[in-house]
Amino acid sequence: MKGLRWFLPDVPDVLGLLRRQSEITVRGMDAFAAWAADGGDRQAAITVHETEHAADAAKRELLEALRAAFVTPLDPEDLFAISRGIDWVLNHAKDAIGESEVMACAPDAATAAMAARLADAVRHLDAALAALAMRGGDPDPETTAAMKAERRLEKAYRAAMGALTAEEDVRAVMGRQELYRRCSRMGETVVDVAERLMYAGLKEN
């Protein structure tokens, strides 16, 4: 049996690589929340850009490992979908900052509230992934918490969009709408990732 190991391919730690991408995304979304809370803090914006590039590198490493893996602890399709989803969240955060700067529309209190909900949701996704990586672990409590955070985000989004009806500056309205919608789209992606994690957990248990 010992001699057979020579013929067996290496098994890359794909879950560890996905966790690495997820942990980088948590840091990036914390920076996004700080950027929004501080009215467009430049250093926080730089951190978001840096983490987005680091997360992209982690995603590429995961994809290379998936191509080389003979077997994986989760369905490769699930691993890819989860990686792609958390990648989209951080990409949207980076784009939101870029749009804010181009439109000269600094984040307001409503944007800060939504960004904080997003950072909370992504942290729960990371915890769900950690639970899934444990044999017999249950990701459902954390995925449920992530979706609850997204629902709070949507509540803040609707309130913020409603408040824009009282704004007379058309340029400000357009800028705020784009920031709010970008946050809402990130929330939708969070739900997609959470549901994929739940599905992957069902298949494993």
C-alpha atoms as a PDB file:
ATOM      1  CA  MET A   1       0.000   0.000   0.000  1.00  0.00           C
ATOM      2  CA  LYS A   2       2.895   2.279   0.804  1.00  0.00           C
ATOM      3  CA  GLY A   3       4.316   1.815  -2.676  1.00  0.00           C
ATOM      4  CA  LEU A   4       1.026   2.835  -4.279  1.00  0.00           C
ATOM      5  CA  ARG A   5       1.473   6.403  -3.043  1.00  0.00           C
ATOM      6  CA  TRP A   6       4.059   6.933  -5.751  1.00  0.00           C
ATOM      7  CA  PHE A   7       1.301   6.512  -8.369  1.00  0.00           C
ATOM      8  CA  LEU A   8      -1.276   8.743  -6.665  1.00  0.00           C
ATOM      9  CA  PRO A   9      -1.468  12.411  -7.697  1.00  0.00           C
ATOM     10  CA  ASP A  10      -1.009  15.169  -5.164  1.00  0.00           C
ATOM     11  CA  VAL A  11      -4.232  16.427  -3.630  1.00  0.00           C
ATOM     12  CA  PRO A  12      -4.057  20.249  -3.480  1.00  0.00           C
ATOM     13  CA  ASP A  13      -5.736  21.942  -0.523  1.00  0.00           C
ATOM     14  CA  VAL A  14      -8.490  23.561  -2.586  1.00  0.00           C
ATOM     15  CA  LEU A  15     -10.602  24.373   0.465  1.00  0.00           C
ATOM     16  CA  GLY A  16      -7.609  26.043   2.079  1.00  0.00           C
ATOM     17  CA  LEU A  17      -7.074  28.111  -1.073  1.00  0.00           C
ATOM     18  CA  LEU A  18     -10.755  29.103  -1.147  1.00  0.00           C
ATOM     19  CA  ARG A  19     -10.547  30.092   2.520  1.00  0.00           C
ATOM     20  CA  ARG A  20      -7.536  32.240   1.684  1.00  0.00           C
ATOM     21  CA  GLN A  21      -9.501  34.062  -1.007  1.00  0.00           C
ATOM     22  CA  SER A  22     -12.428  34.437   1.381  1.00  0.00           C
ATOM     23  CA  GLU A  23     -10.277  35.836   4.190  1.00  0.00           C
ATOM     24  CA  ILE A  24      -8.762  38.406   1.815  1.00  0.00           C
ATOM     25  CA  THR A  25     -12.290  39.349   0.745  1.00  0.00           C
ATOM     26  CA  VAL A  26     -13.291  39.879   4.382  1.00  0.00           C
ATOM     27  CA  ARG A  27     -10.385  42.312   4.796  1.00  0.00           C
ATOM     28  CA  GLY A  28     -11.341  44.086   1.594  1.00  0.00           C
ATOM     29  CA  MET A  29     -14.981  44.467   2.608  1.00  0.00           C
ATOM     30  CA  ASP A  30     -13.972  45.731   6.051  1.00  0.00           C
ATOM     31  CA  ALA A  31     -11.919  48.380   4.235  1.00  0.00           C
ATOM     32  CA  PHE A  32     -14.913  49.155   1.994  1.00  0.00           C
ATOM     33  CA  ALA A  33     -17.053  49.687   5.089  1.00  0.00           C
ATOM     34  CA  ALA A  34     -14.361  51.961   6.557  1.00  0.00           C
ATOM     35  CA  TRP A  35     -14.191  53.895   3.274  1.00  0.00           C
ATOM     36  CA  ALA A  36     -17.933  54.483   3.330  1.00  0.00           C
ATOM     37  CA  ALA A  37     -18.075  55.325   7.033  1.00  0.00           C
ATOM     38  CA  ASP A  38     -15.306  57.936   6.674  1.00  0.00           C
ATOM     39  CA  GLY A  39     -16.895  59.690   3.709  1.00  0.00           C
ATOM     40  CA  GLY A  40     -14.485  58.255   1.147  1.00  0.00           C
ATOM     41  CA  ASP A  41     -11.285  57.702   3.125  1.00  0.00           C
ATOM     42  CA  ARG A  42      -8.425  57.441   0.639  1.00  0.00           C
ATOM     43  CA  GLN A  43      -6.315  54.947   2.573  1.00  0.00           C
ATOM     44  CA  ALA A  44      -9.295  52.616   2.932  1.00  0.00           C
ATOM     45  CA  ALA A  45      -9.892  52.899  -0.823  1.00  0.00           C
ATOM     46  CA  ILE A  46      -6.277  51.893  -1.469  1.00  0.00           C
ATOM     47  CA  THR A  47      -6.717  48.884   0.812  1.00  0.00           C
ATOM     48  CA  VAL A  48      -9.795  47.795  -1.140  1.00  0.00           C
ATOM     49  CA  HIS A  49      -7.820  47.966  -4.396  1.00  0.00           C
ATOM     50  CA  GLU A  50      -4.899  46.048  -2.900  1.00  0.00           C
ATOM     51  CA  THR A  51      -7.087  43.315  -1.458  1.00  0.00           C
ATOM     52  CA  GLU A  52      -9.005  43.003  -4.727  1.00  0.00           C
ATOM     53  CA  HIS A  53      -5.739  42.290  -6.555  1.00  0.00           C
ATOM     54  CA  ALA A  54      -4.655  39.833  -3.842  1.00  0.00           C
ATOM     55  CA  ALA A  55      -8.032  38.079  -3.996  1.00  0.00           C
ATOM     56  CA  ASP A  56      -7.735  37.775  -7.783  1.00  0.00           C
ATOM     57  CA  ALA A  57      -4.367  36.082  -7.333  1.00  0.00           C
ATOM     58  CA  ALA A  58      -5.853  33.710  -4.762  1.00  0.00           C
ATOM     59  CA  LYS A  59      -8.709  32.913  -7.135  1.00  0.00           C
ATOM     60  CA  ARG A  60      -6.274  32.101  -9.969  1.00  0.00           C
ATOM     61  CA  GLU A  61      -4.308  29.827  -7.650  1.00  0.00           C
ATOM     62  CA  LEU A  62      -7.508  28.016  -6.713  1.00  0.00           C
ATOM     63  CA  LEU A  63      -8.495  27.545 -10.361  1.00  0.00           C
ATOM     64  CA  GLU A  64      -5.063  26.112 -11.162  1.00  0.00           C
ATOM     65  CA  ALA A  65      -5.401  23.713  -8.225  1.00  0.00           C
ATOM     66  CA  LEU A  66      -8.870  22.639  -9.392  1.00  0.00           C
ATOM     67  CA  ARG A  67      -7.476  21.819 -12.835  1.00  0.00           C
ATOM     68  CA  ALA A  68      -4.736  19.689 -11.275  1.00  0.00           C
ATOM     69  CA  ALA A  69      -6.831  18.002  -8.583  1.00  0.00           C
ATOM     70  CA  PHE A  70      -7.705  14.337  -9.038  1.00  0.00           C
ATOM     71  CA  VAL A  71     -10.331  14.510  -6.307  1.00  0.00           C
ATOM     72  CA  THR A  72     -11.747  17.456  -4.328  1.00  0.00           C
ATOM     73  CA  PRO A  73     -13.529  17.587  -0.953  1.00  0.00           C
ATOM     74  CA  LEU A  74     -16.438  19.464  -2.558  1.00  0.00           C
ATOM     75  CA  ASP A  75     -17.862  19.401  -6.064  1.00  0.00           C
ATOM     76  CA  PRO A  76     -15.487  21.448  -8.279  1.00  0.00           C
ATOM     77  CA  GLU A  77     -18.495  23.300  -9.698  1.00  0.00           C
ATOM     78  CA  ASP A  78     -19.488  24.403  -6.188  1.00  0.00           C
ATOM     79  CA  LEU A  79     -15.945  25.497  -5.388  1.00  0.00           C
ATOM     80  CA  PHE A  80     -15.777  27.504  -8.610  1.00  0.00           C
ATOM     81  CA  ALA A  81     -19.179  29.154  -8.052  1.00  0.00           C
ATOM     82  CA  ILE A  82     -18.336  30.165  -4.482  1.00  0.00           C
ATOM     83  CA  SER A  83     -14.956  31.564  -5.554  1.00  0.00           C
ATOM     84  CA  ARG A  84     -16.522  33.481  -8.431  1.00  0.00           C
ATOM     85  CA  GLY A  85     -19.236  34.910  -6.192  1.00  0.00           C
ATOM     86  CA  ILE A  86     -16.948  36.299  -3.510  1.00  0.00           C
ATOM     87  CA  ASP A  87     -14.724  37.634  -6.292  1.00  0.00           C
ATOM     88  CA  TRP A  88     -17.679  39.557  -7.720  1.00  0.00           C
ATOM     89  CA  VAL A  89     -18.502  41.087  -4.334  1.00  0.00           C
ATOM     90  CA  LEU A  90     -15.036  42.581  -3.926  1.00  0.00           C
ATOM     91  CA  ASN A  91     -14.890  43.638  -7.578  1.00  0.00           C
ATOM     92  CA  HIS A  92     -18.155  45.545  -7.154  1.00  0.00           C
ATOM     93  CA  ALA A  93     -16.787  47.231  -4.024  1.00  0.00           C
ATOM     94  CA  LYS A  94     -13.723  48.402  -5.949  1.00  0.00           C
ATOM     95  CA  ASP A  95     -15.919  49.619  -8.802  1.00  0.00           C
ATOM     96  CA  ALA A  96     -18.213  51.478  -6.392  1.00  0.00           C
ATOM     97  CA  ILE A  97     -15.219  53.404  -5.076  1.00  0.00           C
ATOM     98  CA  GLY A  98     -14.106  54.211  -8.605  1.00  0.00           C
ATOM     99  CA  GLU A  99     -17.561  55.450  -9.557  1.00  0.00           C
ATOM    100  CA  SER A 100     -17.780  57.542  -6.404  1.00  0.00           C
ATOM    101  CA  GLU A 101     -14.500  59.240  -7.286  1.00  0.00           C
ATOM    102  CA  VAL A 102     -15.399  59.792 -10.951  1.00  0.00           C
ATOM    103  CA  MET A 103     -18.810  61.235 -10.092  1.00  0.00           C
ATOM    104  CA  ALA A 104     -17.387  63.294  -7.202  1.00  0.00           C
ATOM    105  CA  CYS A 105     -20.060  61.730  -5.021  1.00  0.00           C
ATOM    106  CA  ALA A 106     -18.687  60.816  -1.604  1.00  0.00           C
ATOM    107  CA  PRO A 107     -20.402  57.997   0.291  1.00  0.00           C
ATOM    108  CA  ASP A 108     -23.114  59.180   2.671  1.00  0.00           C
ATOM    109  CA  ALA A 109     -24.632  57.672   5.818  1.00  0.00           C
ATOM    110  CA  ALA A 110     -26.910  55.399   3.796  1.00  0.00           C
ATOM    111  CA  THR A 111     -23.972  54.033   1.792  1.00  0.00           C
ATOM    112  CA  ALA A 112     -22.066  53.503   5.038  1.00  0.00           C
ATOM    113  CA  ALA A 113     -24.981  51.546   6.515  1.00  0.00           C
ATOM    114  CA  MET A 114     -25.183  49.294   3.459  1.00  0.00           C
ATOM    115  CA  ALA A 115     -21.410  48.792   3.347  1.00  0.00           C
ATOM    116  CA  ALA A 116     -21.421  47.765   7.007  1.00  0.00           C
ATOM    117  CA  ARG A 117     -24.141  45.175   6.296  1.00  0.00           C
ATOM    118  CA  LEU A 118     -22.091  43.846   3.388  1.00  0.00           C
ATOM    119  CA  ALA A 119     -18.946  43.500   5.491  1.00  0.00           C
ATOM    120  CA  ASP A 120     -20.989  41.655   8.125  1.00  0.00           C
ATOM    121  CA  ALA A 121     -22.521  39.351   5.512  1.00  0.00           C
ATOM    122  CA  VAL A 122     -19.151  38.478   3.961  1.00  0.00           C
ATOM    123  CA  ARG A 123     -17.750  37.695   7.391  1.00  0.00           C
ATOM    124  CA  HIS A 124     -20.604  35.210   7.879  1.00  0.00           C
ATOM    125  CA  LEU A 125     -19.887  33.663   4.486  1.00  0.00           C
ATOM    126  CA  ASP A 126     -16.273  33.123   5.532  1.00  0.00           C
ATOM    127  CA  ALA A 127     -17.436  31.487   8.770  1.00  0.00           C
ATOM    128  CA  ALA A 128     -19.829  29.269   6.788  1.00  0.00           C
ATOM    129  CA  LEU A 129     -16.954  28.205   4.561  1.00  0.00           C
ATOM    130  CA  ALA A 130     -14.848  27.416   7.630  1.00  0.00           C
ATOM    131  CA  ALA A 131     -17.678  25.243   8.961  1.00  0.00           C
ATOM    132  CA  LEU A 132     -18.009  23.474   5.618  1.00  0.00           C
ATOM    133  CA  ALA A 133     -14.275  22.752   5.600  1.00  0.00           C
ATOM    134  CA  MET A 134     -14.688  20.826   8.856  1.00  0.00           C
ATOM    135  CA  ARG A 135     -15.812  17.229   8.444  1.00  0.00           C
ATOM    136  CA  GLY A 136     -19.462  17.185   9.450  1.00  0.00           C
ATOM    137  CA  GLY A 137     -19.548  20.966   9.932  1.00  0.00           C
ATOM    138  CA  ASP A 138     -22.836  22.765   9.346  1.00  0.00           C
ATOM    139  CA  PRO A 139     -22.627  26.031   7.351  1.00  0.00           C
ATOM    140  CA  ASP A 140     -26.358  26.785   7.669  1.00  0.00           C
ATOM    141  CA  PRO A 141     -26.284  29.040  10.774  1.00  0.00           C
ATOM    142  CA  GLU A 142     -23.697  31.294   9.159  1.00  0.00           C
ATOM    143  CA  THR A 143     -25.308  31.315   5.704  1.00  0.00           C
ATOM    144  CA  THR A 144     -28.610  32.209   7.373  1.00  0.00           C
ATOM    145  CA  ALA A 145     -26.884  35.062   9.222  1.00  0.00           C
ATOM    146  CA  ALA A 146     -25.359  36.280   5.931  1.00  0.00           C
ATOM    147  CA  MET A 147     -28.787  36.368   4.303  1.00  0.00           C
ATOM    148  CA  LYS A 148     -30.254  38.208   7.280  1.00  0.00           C
ATOM    149  CA  ALA A 149     -27.528  40.838   6.913  1.00  0.00           C
ATOM    150  CA  GLU A 150     -28.449  41.128   3.228  1.00  0.00           C
ATOM    151  CA  ARG A 151     -32.106  41.670   4.122  1.00  0.00           C
ATOM    152  CA  ARG A 152     -31.080  44.498   6.453  1.00  0.00           C
ATOM    153  CA  LEU A 153     -29.059  45.920   3.573  1.00  0.00           C
ATOM    154  CA  GLU A 154     -32.122  45.835   1.296  1.00  0.00           C
ATOM    155  CA  LYS A 155     -34.172  47.606   3.944  1.00  0.00           C
ATOM    156  CA  ALA A 156     -31.529  50.346   4.128  1.00  0.00           C
ATOM    157  CA  TYR A 157     -31.421  50.456   0.313  1.00  0.00           C
ATOM    158  CA  ARG A 158     -35.170  51.027  -0.026  1.00  0.00           C
ATOM    159  CA  ALA A 159     -35.149  53.724   2.640  1.00  0.00           C
ATOM    160  CA  ALA A 160     -32.214  55.485   0.977  1.00  0.00           C
ATOM    161  CA  MET A 161     -33.781  55.368  -2.480  1.00  0.00           C
ATOM    162  CA  GLY A 162     -37.006  56.748  -1.061  1.00  0.00           C
ATOM    163  CA  ALA A 163     -35.161  59.603   0.622  1.00  0.00           C
ATOM    164  CA  LEU A 164     -33.675  60.639  -2.721  1.00  0.00           C
ATOM    165  CA  THR A 165     -37.086  61.883  -3.854  1.00  0.00           C
ATOM    166  CA  ALA A 166     -36.533  64.920  -1.616  1.00  0.00           C
ATOM    167  CA  GLU A 167     -33.141  65.677  -3.183  1.00  0.00           C
ATOM    168  CA  GLU A 168     -33.196  68.532  -5.712  1.00  0.00           C
ATOM    169  CA  ASP A 169     -29.643  68.199  -7.027  1.00  0.00           C
ATOM    170  CA  VAL A 170     -29.995  65.900 -10.053  1.00  0.00           C
ATOM    171  CA  ARG A 171     -26.266  65.160 -10.154  1.00  0.00           C
ATOM    172  CA  ALA A 172     -26.297  64.111  -6.507  1.00  0.00           C
ATOM    173  CA  VAL A 173     -29.345  61.906  -7.109  1.00  0.00           C
ATOM    174  CA  MET A 174     -27.663  60.122 -10.010  1.00  0.00           C
ATOM    175  CA  GLY A 175     -24.469  59.569  -8.051  1.00  0.00           C
ATOM    176  CA  ARG A 176     -26.228  58.275  -4.955  1.00  0.00           C
ATOM    177  CA  GLN A 177     -28.485  55.985  -6.979  1.00  0.00           C
ATOM    178  CA  GLU A 178     -25.477  54.336  -8.590  1.00  0.00           C
ATOM    179  CA  LEU A 179     -23.739  53.791  -5.253  1.00  0.00           C
ATOM    180  CA  TYR A 180     -26.903  52.410  -3.673  1.00  0.00           C
ATOM    181  CA  ARG A 181     -27.579  50.087  -6.597  1.00  0.00           C
ATOM    182  CA  ARG A 182     -24.012  48.840  -6.562  1.00  0.00           C
ATOM    183  CA  CYS A 183     -24.404  47.906  -2.880  1.00  0.00           C
ATOM    184  CA  SER A 184     -27.709  46.195  -3.632  1.00  0.00           C
ATOM    185  CA  ARG A 185     -26.093  44.115  -6.381  1.00  0.00           C
ATOM    186  CA  MET A 186     -23.351  43.077  -3.971  1.00  0.00           C
ATOM    187  CA  GLY A 187     -26.067  41.958  -1.584  1.00  0.00           C
ATOM    188  CA  GLU A 188     -27.685  39.828  -4.284  1.00  0.00           C
ATOM    189  CA  THR A 189     -24.334  38.163  -4.935  1.00  0.00           C
ATOM    190  CA  VAL A 190     -23.943  37.460  -1.211  1.00  0.00           C
ATOM    191  CA  VAL A 191     -27.259  35.589  -1.288  1.00  0.00           C
ATOM    192  CA  ASP A 192     -26.116  33.572  -4.316  1.00  0.00           C
ATOM    193  CA  VAL A 193     -22.931  32.527  -2.497  1.00  0.00           C
ATOM    194  CA  ALA A 194     -24.818  31.729   0.711  1.00  0.00           C
ATOM    195  CA  GLU A 195     -27.275  29.502  -1.139  1.00  0.00           C
ATOM    196  CA  ARG A 196     -24.433  27.744  -2.954  1.00  0.00           C
ATOM    197  CA  LEU A 197     -22.731  27.073   0.383  1.00  0.00           C
ATOM    198  CA  MET A 198     -25.973  25.664   1.757  1.00  0.00           C
ATOM    199  CA  TYR A 199     -26.350  23.443  -1.308  1.00  0.00           C
ATOM    200  CA  ALA A 200     -22.761  22.218  -1.050  1.00  0.00           C
ATOM    201  CA  GLY A 201     -23.349  21.420   2.625  1.00  0.00           C
ATOM    202  CA  LEU A 202     -26.471  19.400   1.801  1.00  0.00           C
ATOM    203  CA  LYS A 203     -24.555  17.300  -0.713  1.00  0.00           C
ATOM    204  CA  GLU A 204     -21.776  16.587   1.774  1.00  0.00           C
ATOM    205  CA  ASN A 205     -24.041  15.587   4.699  1.00  0.00           C
END
